[in-house]
Amino acid sequence: MLLLISHKVFVGFAVWTVFSMLASLSAGLEVLLTLELIGLLMTIELTSGLLTRELRSRMEYFAYTGLLLFVIVVLRRVWLTLS
């Protein structure tokens, strides 16, 4: 069975998601979000020359959304620490 590069990227990210879920079972949703963002950013960087422009722009959209959520998590943590 021949897999396209986009399929291989999806399978790799799915494996990372399972790993992230198992690693963050006791740590909470914030850790899961952070691990998923790390995996997505690594995937985008490692496959930047291999994927089509359309697929890369879709992945970047999710990365920007993840970065926004990460900023919210950090601000929440700072707020809880200061109060």
Protein backbone atom coordinates (compact mmCIF):
# COMPACT_ATOMS: atom_id res chain seq x y z
CA MET A 1 0.00 0.00 0.00
CA LEU A 2 1.43 3.32 -1.07
CA LEU A 3 0.91 6.20 1.35
CA LEU A 4 1.13 9.81 0.31
CA ILE A 5 3.33 12.14 2.31
CA SER A 6 0.25 13.89 3.72
CA HIS A 7 -1.04 10.55 4.98
CA LYS A 8 2.29 9.77 6.63
CA VAL A 9 2.25 13.19 8.30
CA PHE A 10 -1.28 12.54 9.56
CA VAL A 11 -0.34 9.12 10.95
CA GLY A 12 2.74 10.57 12.64
CA PHE A 13 0.72 13.36 14.22
CA ALA A 14 -1.92 10.85 15.33
CA VAL A 15 0.78 8.82 17.09
CA TRP A 16 2.02 12.04 18.74
CA THR A 17 -1.55 12.79 19.86
CA VAL A 18 -1.91 9.38 21.49
CA PHE A 19 1.45 9.83 23.21
CA SER A 20 0.42 13.30 24.38
CA MET A 21 -2.87 12.04 25.75
CA LEU A 22 -1.17 9.27 27.68
CA ALA A 23 1.49 11.62 29.02
CA SER A 24 -1.04 14.20 30.18
CA LEU A 25 -3.65 11.96 31.79
CA SER A 26 -2.86 13.16 35.28
CA ALA A 27 -1.48 16.57 34.33
CA GLY A 28 -4.57 18.08 32.77
CA LEU A 29 -5.83 19.77 29.66
CA GLU A 30 -3.24 22.55 29.69
CA VAL A 31 -0.38 20.09 29.36
CA LEU A 32 -2.20 18.25 26.58
CA LEU A 33 -2.70 21.52 24.71
CA THR A 34 0.97 22.39 25.09
CA LEU A 35 2.14 18.97 23.89
CA GLU A 36 -0.19 19.09 20.90
CA LEU A 37 1.11 22.53 19.96
CA ILE A 38 4.70 21.32 20.20
CA GLY A 39 3.88 18.35 17.97
CA LEU A 40 2.10 20.53 15.44
CA LEU A 41 4.94 23.05 15.27
CA MET A 42 7.50 20.25 14.88
CA THR A 43 5.42 18.66 12.12
CA ILE A 44 5.12 21.93 10.24
CA GLU A 45 8.84 22.59 10.50
CA LEU A 46 9.94 19.09 9.50
CA THR A 47 7.59 18.84 6.53
CA SER A 48 7.80 22.42 5.26
CA GLY A 49 9.44 21.44 1.98
CA LEU A 50 7.40 18.31 1.36
CA LEU A 51 3.78 19.42 1.63
CA THR A 52 1.69 21.44 -0.79
CA ARG A 53 1.10 25.12 -0.11
CA GLU A 54 -2.59 24.49 0.62
CA LEU A 55 -1.93 21.79 3.20
CA ARG A 56 0.85 23.82 4.79
CA SER A 57 -1.45 26.85 5.12
CA ARG A 58 -4.12 24.68 6.78
CA MET A 59 -1.59 23.40 9.28
CA GLU A 60 -0.36 26.92 9.96
CA TYR A 61 -3.94 28.00 10.67
CA PHE A 62 -4.17 25.32 13.36
CA ALA A 63 -0.77 26.35 14.69
CA TYR A 64 -1.88 29.99 15.03
CA THR A 65 -5.03 28.85 16.81
CA GLY A 66 -2.92 26.69 19.12
CA LEU A 67 -0.59 29.59 19.84
CA LEU A 68 -3.57 31.75 20.76
CA LEU A 69 -4.80 29.05 23.15
CA PHE A 70 -1.29 28.72 24.56
CA VAL A 71 -1.18 32.46 25.27
CA ILE A 72 -4.53 32.14 27.07
CA VAL A 73 -3.16 29.26 29.17
CA VAL A 74 -0.04 31.26 30.07
CA LEU A 75 -2.06 34.35 30.97
CA ARG A 76 -4.36 32.23 33.12
CA ARG A 77 -1.38 30.71 34.93
CA VAL A 78 0.14 34.15 35.52
CA TRP A 79 -3.18 35.46 36.78
CA LEU A 80 -3.55 32.53 39.22
CA THR A 81 0.04 33.00 40.43
CA LEU A 82 -0.38 36.71 41.05
CA SER A 83 -3.73 36.46 42.80
